[in-house]
Amino acid sequence: VPSASNFFLSYLSWKAVAGPCLRLCIPNGNARMYLWRKYWRRHQGVVTKREKARLLFKPRSMRHSVQIGNDLVLFVVAAAFALASPLVTIFALPCFAFNWLA
């Protein structure tokens, strides 16, 4: 294993294990505001059907811009070190799989 790929092995293993877990456990700002508004409205008094439907079906941000950037970085690292260190490719596959699941 080339010495330059040790960092990327650590990076890919960290991204595969901790990245999806943190993304699922820590909601983004839009989801937090959705929950805040939902429970705040419930405690303020009468909530109409229209307000319930608006809160239920309100679109939420899924952070696609951040996710696409992370996936592209992982792909570039895996593609760049595929020939120099094939072990990086083996570490990149679970990372892609877990990111796809989360």
C-alpha atoms as a PDB file:
ATOM      1  CA  VAL A   1       0.000   0.000   0.000  1.00  0.00           C
ATOM      2  CA  PRO A   2       1.525   3.360  -0.955  1.00  0.00           C
ATOM      3  CA  SER A   3       2.002   5.713   1.966  1.00  0.00           C
ATOM      4  CA  ALA A   4      -0.151   8.385   0.290  1.00  0.00           C
ATOM      5  CA  SER A   5      -3.188   6.117   0.264  1.00  0.00           C
ATOM      6  CA  ASN A   6      -3.222   5.525   4.040  1.00  0.00           C
ATOM      7  CA  PHE A   7      -4.962   8.832   4.581  1.00  0.00           C
ATOM      8  CA  PHE A   8      -7.599   8.007   1.996  1.00  0.00           C
ATOM      9  CA  LEU A   9      -8.188   4.555   3.491  1.00  0.00           C
ATOM     10  CA  SER A  10      -8.849   6.220   6.840  1.00  0.00           C
ATOM     11  CA  TYR A  11     -11.004   8.870   5.200  1.00  0.00           C
ATOM     12  CA  LEU A  12     -13.131   6.346   3.311  1.00  0.00           C
ATOM     13  CA  SER A  13     -13.588   4.102   6.333  1.00  0.00           C
ATOM     14  CA  TRP A  14     -14.644   7.119   8.429  1.00  0.00           C
ATOM     15  CA  LYS A  15     -17.046   8.301   5.719  1.00  0.00           C
ATOM     16  CA  ALA A  16     -18.528   4.793   5.399  1.00  0.00           C
ATOM     17  CA  VAL A  17     -19.138   4.313   9.119  1.00  0.00           C
ATOM     18  CA  ALA A  18     -19.741   7.725  10.637  1.00  0.00           C
ATOM     19  CA  GLY A  19     -21.092   9.744   7.711  1.00  0.00           C
ATOM     20  CA  PRO A  20     -24.479   8.041   7.212  1.00  0.00           C
ATOM     21  CA  CYS A  21     -24.983   7.600  10.966  1.00  0.00           C
ATOM     22  CA  LEU A  22     -24.460  11.280  11.664  1.00  0.00           C
ATOM     23  CA  ARG A  23     -26.603  12.284   8.700  1.00  0.00           C
ATOM     24  CA  LEU A  24     -29.478  10.148   9.977  1.00  0.00           C
ATOM     25  CA  CYS A  25     -29.128  11.209  13.628  1.00  0.00           C
ATOM     26  CA  ILE A  26     -28.702  14.954  13.160  1.00  0.00           C
ATOM     27  CA  PRO A  27     -31.590  16.481  11.216  1.00  0.00           C
ATOM     28  CA  ASN A  28     -30.939  19.423   8.952  1.00  0.00           C
ATOM     29  CA  GLY A  29     -32.260  22.891   9.717  1.00  0.00           C
ATOM     30  CA  ASN A  30     -35.379  22.567   7.606  1.00  0.00           C
ATOM     31  CA  ALA A  31     -36.471  19.375   9.383  1.00  0.00           C
ATOM     32  CA  ARG A  32     -35.878  21.009  12.767  1.00  0.00           C
ATOM     33  CA  MET A  33     -38.010  24.003  11.779  1.00  0.00           C
ATOM     34  CA  TYR A  34     -40.726  21.644  10.517  1.00  0.00           C
ATOM     35  CA  LEU A  35     -40.880  19.877  13.891  1.00  0.00           C
ATOM     36  CA  TRP A  36     -40.773  23.176  15.766  1.00  0.00           C
ATOM     37  CA  ARG A  37     -43.663  24.608  13.762  1.00  0.00           C
ATOM     38  CA  LYS A  38     -45.661  21.390  14.036  1.00  0.00           C
ATOM     39  CA  TYR A  39     -45.483  21.175  17.820  1.00  0.00           C
ATOM     40  CA  TRP A  40     -45.697  24.929  18.330  1.00  0.00           C
ATOM     41  CA  ARG A  41     -48.953  25.060  16.369  1.00  0.00           C
ATOM     42  CA  ARG A  42     -50.337  22.131  18.325  1.00  0.00           C
ATOM     43  CA  HIS A  43     -49.779  23.914  21.642  1.00  0.00           C
ATOM     44  CA  GLN A  44     -51.128  27.248  20.441  1.00  0.00           C
ATOM     45  CA  GLY A  45     -54.700  26.069  20.234  1.00  0.00           C
ATOM     46  CA  VAL A  46     -57.085  25.014  17.476  1.00  0.00           C
ATOM     47  CA  VAL A  47     -55.409  23.723  14.324  1.00  0.00           C
ATOM     48  CA  THR A  48     -57.489  23.539  11.153  1.00  0.00           C
ATOM     49  CA  LYS A  49     -57.364  20.710   8.630  1.00  0.00           C
ATOM     50  CA  ARG A  50     -55.692  22.990   6.120  1.00  0.00           C
ATOM     51  CA  GLU A  51     -52.873  23.806   8.570  1.00  0.00           C
ATOM     52  CA  LYS A  52     -52.416  20.109   9.389  1.00  0.00           C
ATOM     53  CA  ALA A  53     -52.192  19.242   5.699  1.00  0.00           C
ATOM     54  CA  ARG A  54     -49.731  22.057   5.064  1.00  0.00           C
ATOM     55  CA  LEU A  55     -47.498  20.875   7.899  1.00  0.00           C
ATOM     56  CA  LEU A  56     -47.778  17.237   6.881  1.00  0.00           C
ATOM     57  CA  PHE A  57     -47.005  17.693   3.187  1.00  0.00           C
ATOM     58  CA  LYS A  58     -44.591  20.596   3.384  1.00  0.00           C
ATOM     59  CA  PRO A  59     -41.490  19.845   1.294  1.00  0.00           C
ATOM     60  CA  ARG A  60     -38.330  19.279   3.264  1.00  0.00           C
ATOM     61  CA  SER A  61     -34.761  19.836   2.156  1.00  0.00           C
ATOM     62  CA  MET A  62     -32.798  16.625   1.746  1.00  0.00           C
ATOM     63  CA  ARG A  63     -29.398  18.304   1.395  1.00  0.00           C
ATOM     64  CA  HIS A  64     -28.830  17.062  -2.137  1.00  0.00           C
ATOM     65  CA  SER A  65     -26.111  19.618  -2.839  1.00  0.00           C
ATOM     66  CA  VAL A  66     -24.007  18.426   0.091  1.00  0.00           C
ATOM     67  CA  GLN A  67     -24.630  14.751  -0.673  1.00  0.00           C
ATOM     68  CA  ILE A  68     -23.685  15.055  -4.335  1.00  0.00           C
ATOM     69  CA  GLY A  69     -20.470  16.857  -3.384  1.00  0.00           C
ATOM     70  CA  ASN A  70     -19.542  14.127  -0.898  1.00  0.00           C
ATOM     71  CA  ASP A  71     -20.269  11.384  -3.417  1.00  0.00           C
ATOM     72  CA  LEU A  72     -18.157  13.110  -6.055  1.00  0.00           C
ATOM     73  CA  VAL A  73     -15.205  13.429  -3.660  1.00  0.00           C
ATOM     74  CA  LEU A  74     -15.485   9.743  -2.792  1.00  0.00           C
ATOM     75  CA  PHE A  75     -15.663   8.804  -6.470  1.00  0.00           C
ATOM     76  CA  VAL A  76     -12.638  10.929  -7.367  1.00  0.00           C
ATOM     77  CA  VAL A  77     -10.583   9.434  -4.539  1.00  0.00           C
ATOM     78  CA  ALA A  78     -11.610   5.889  -5.477  1.00  0.00           C
ATOM     79  CA  ALA A  79     -10.924   6.467  -9.172  1.00  0.00           C
ATOM     80  CA  ALA A  80      -7.585   8.207  -8.605  1.00  0.00           C
ATOM     81  CA  PHE A  81      -6.190   5.491  -6.346  1.00  0.00           C
ATOM     82  CA  ALA A  82      -7.804   2.498  -8.096  1.00  0.00           C
ATOM     83  CA  LEU A  83      -4.573   1.504  -9.850  1.00  0.00           C
ATOM     84  CA  ALA A  84      -2.048   2.641  -7.247  1.00  0.00           C
ATOM     85  CA  SER A  85      -3.831   0.995  -4.338  1.00  0.00           C
ATOM     86  CA  PRO A  86      -6.741  -1.352  -5.129  1.00  0.00           C
ATOM     87  CA  LEU A  87      -7.537  -1.500  -1.427  1.00  0.00           C
ATOM     88  CA  VAL A  88      -8.992   2.013  -1.684  1.00  0.00           C
ATOM     89  CA  THR A  89     -11.580   0.701  -4.136  1.00  0.00           C
ATOM     90  CA  ILE A  90     -12.572  -2.033  -1.700  1.00  0.00           C
ATOM     91  CA  PHE A  91     -13.045   0.584   1.025  1.00  0.00           C
ATOM     92  CA  ALA A  92     -14.996   2.861  -1.334  1.00  0.00           C
ATOM     93  CA  LEU A  93     -17.668   0.283  -2.182  1.00  0.00           C
ATOM     94  CA  PRO A  94     -19.190   0.070   1.340  1.00  0.00           C
ATOM     95  CA  CYS A  95     -18.945   3.835   1.563  1.00  0.00           C
ATOM     96  CA  PHE A  96     -21.051   4.224  -1.596  1.00  0.00           C
ATOM     97  CA  ALA A  97     -23.480   1.556  -0.371  1.00  0.00           C
ATOM     98  CA  PHE A  98     -24.019   3.176   3.039  1.00  0.00           C
ATOM     99  CA  ASN A  99     -24.382   6.625   1.503  1.00  0.00           C
ATOM    100  CA  TRP A 100     -26.991   5.251  -0.880  1.00  0.00           C
ATOM    101  CA  LEU A 101     -28.929   3.700   2.023  1.00  0.00           C
ATOM    102  CA  ALA A 102     -28.826   6.860   4.111  1.00  0.00           C
END
